[in-house]
C-alpha atoms as a PDB file:
ATOM      1  CA  UNK A   1      -1.446 -27.244  -6.754  1.00  0.00           C
ATOM      2  CA  UNK A   2      -1.467 -23.649  -5.179  1.00  0.00           C
ATOM      3  CA  UNK A   3      -3.638 -25.047  -2.227  1.00  0.00           C
ATOM      4  CA  UNK A   4      -0.823 -27.652  -1.624  1.00  0.00           C
ATOM      5  CA  UNK A   5       1.793 -25.052  -1.669  1.00  0.00           C
ATOM      6  CA  UNK A   6      -0.024 -22.950   0.628  1.00  0.00           C
ATOM      7  CA  UNK A   7      -0.480 -25.693   3.135  1.00  0.00           C
ATOM      8  CA  UNK A   8       3.245 -26.749   3.026  1.00  0.00           C
ATOM      9  CA  UNK A   9       4.157 -23.059   3.360  1.00  0.00           C
ATOM     10  CA  UNK A  10       1.974 -22.884   6.458  1.00  0.00           C
ATOM     11  CA  UNK A  11       3.168 -26.068   7.822  1.00  0.00           C
ATOM     12  CA  UNK A  12       6.735 -24.823   7.442  1.00  0.00           C
ATOM     13  CA  UNK A  13       6.089 -21.558   8.984  1.00  0.00           C
ATOM     14  CA  UNK A  14       4.250 -23.224  11.985  1.00  0.00           C
ATOM     15  CA  UNK A  15       7.277 -25.495  12.469  1.00  0.00           C
ATOM     16  CA  UNK A  16       9.551 -22.345  12.836  1.00  0.00           C
ATOM     17  CA  UNK A  17       7.659 -21.371  15.873  1.00  0.00           C
ATOM     18  CA  UNK A  18       9.229 -24.592  17.608  1.00  0.00           C
ATOM     19  CA  UNK A  19      12.617 -23.305  16.967  1.00  0.00           C
ATOM     20  CA  UNK A  20      12.810 -20.956  19.798  1.00  0.00           C
ATOM     21  CA  UNK A  21      13.549 -17.078  19.376  1.00  0.00           C
ATOM     22  CA  UNK A  22      15.364 -17.653  16.053  1.00  0.00           C
ATOM     23  CA  UNK A  23      12.519 -19.460  14.493  1.00  0.00           C
ATOM     24  CA  UNK A  24      10.097 -16.650  15.693  1.00  0.00           C
ATOM     25  CA  UNK A  25      12.427 -14.190  14.386  1.00  0.00           C
ATOM     26  CA  UNK A  26      12.522 -15.760  10.768  1.00  0.00           C
ATOM     27  CA  UNK A  27       8.897 -16.153  10.978  1.00  0.00           C
ATOM     28  CA  UNK A  28       8.451 -12.245  11.570  1.00  0.00           C
ATOM     29  CA  UNK A  29      10.930 -11.378   8.938  1.00  0.00           C
ATOM     30  CA  UNK A  30       8.970 -13.335   6.479  1.00  0.00           C
ATOM     31  CA  UNK A  31       5.546 -11.994   7.487  1.00  0.00           C
ATOM     32  CA  UNK A  32       7.119  -8.550   7.272  1.00  0.00           C
ATOM     33  CA  UNK A  33       8.734  -8.931   3.863  1.00  0.00           C
ATOM     34  CA  UNK A  34       5.281 -10.137   2.497  1.00  0.00           C
ATOM     35  CA  UNK A  35       3.506  -7.470   3.791  1.00  0.00           C
ATOM     36  CA  UNK A  36       6.145  -4.956   2.443  1.00  0.00           C
ATOM     37  CA  UNK A  37       6.081  -6.704  -1.019  1.00  0.00           C
ATOM     38  CA  UNK A  38       2.283  -6.427  -1.224  1.00  0.00           C
ATOM     39  CA  UNK A  39       2.206  -2.777  -0.563  1.00  0.00           C
ATOM     40  CA  UNK A  40       4.848  -2.228  -3.298  1.00  0.00           C
ATOM     41  CA  UNK A  41       2.875  -4.361  -5.579  1.00  0.00           C
ATOM     42  CA  UNK A  42      -0.621  -2.518  -4.676  1.00  0.00           C
ATOM     43  CA  UNK A  43       1.467   0.970  -5.175  1.00  0.00           C
ATOM     44  CA  UNK A  44       2.489  -0.500  -8.831  1.00  0.00           C
ATOM     45  CA  UNK A  45      -1.018  -1.250  -9.577  1.00  0.00           C
ATOM     46  CA  UNK A  46      -2.407   1.995  -8.407  1.00  0.00           C
ATOM     47  CA  UNK A  47       0.027   3.706 -10.733  1.00  0.00           C
ATOM     48  CA  UNK A  48      -1.184   2.038 -13.583  1.00  0.00           C
ATOM     49  CA  UNK A  49      -4.787   2.486 -12.891  1.00  0.00           C
ATOM     50  CA  UNK A  50      -4.668   5.923 -11.982  1.00  0.00           C
ATOM     51  CA  UNK A  51      -2.496   7.940 -14.298  1.00  0.00           C
ATOM     52  CA  UNK A  52      -0.212  10.776 -12.724  1.00  0.00           C
ATOM     53  CA  UNK A  53      -1.750  13.523 -14.804  1.00  0.00           C
ATOM     54  CA  UNK A  54      -5.533  12.615 -14.338  1.00  0.00           C
ATOM     55  CA  UNK A  55      -7.802  15.542 -13.588  1.00  0.00           C
ATOM     56  CA  UNK A  56      -8.809  15.877 -10.069  1.00  0.00           C
ATOM     57  CA  UNK A  57     -12.200  17.623  -9.693  1.00  0.00           C
ATOM     58  CA  UNK A  58     -11.740  18.386  -6.125  1.00  0.00           C
ATOM     59  CA  UNK A  59      -8.238  19.877  -6.836  1.00  0.00           C
ATOM     60  CA  UNK A  60      -9.532  22.169  -9.541  1.00  0.00           C
ATOM     61  CA  UNK A  61     -12.562  23.098  -7.593  1.00  0.00           C
ATOM     62  CA  UNK A  62     -10.225  24.083  -4.505  1.00  0.00           C
ATOM     63  CA  UNK A  63      -8.121  26.137  -6.970  1.00  0.00           C
ATOM     64  CA  UNK A  64     -10.895  27.718  -8.415  1.00  0.00           C
ATOM     65  CA  UNK A  65     -12.389  28.587  -4.850  1.00  0.00           C
ATOM     66  CA  UNK A  66      -8.985  29.991  -3.981  1.00  0.00           C
ATOM     67  CA  UNK A  67      -8.920  32.017  -7.085  1.00  0.00           C
ATOM     68  CA  UNK A  68     -12.428  33.603  -6.485  1.00  0.00           C
ATOM     69  CA  UNK A  69     -11.565  34.230  -2.899  1.00  0.00           C
ATOM     70  CA  UNK A  70      -8.473  36.434  -3.609  1.00  0.00           C
ATOM     71  CA  UNK A  71     -10.470  38.013  -6.358  1.00  0.00           C
ATOM     72  CA  UNK A  72     -13.107  39.120  -3.802  1.00  0.00           C
ATOM     73  CA  UNK A  73     -10.407  40.151  -1.307  1.00  0.00           C
ATOM     74  CA  UNK A  74      -8.684  42.573  -3.766  1.00  0.00           C
ATOM     75  CA  UNK A  75     -11.857  44.188  -4.799  1.00  0.00           C
ATOM     76  CA  UNK A  76     -12.924  45.030  -1.047  1.00  0.00           C
END
């Protein structure tokens, strides 16, 4: 069923090209809308998979390095 729906959507979007500039405009708007919505969904998935308060080892190592560097500068 999903395959049939995909074929019908592809046929419809292909027919839009024959309507001239208006059809091409509508087709571009549809494609941009799909891309924008997929980016929003990927962002939601990322927020659920990677929690906001997760420990980042690189960030911790960088902060430790800065702290040690500052301590060495004050000693000199």
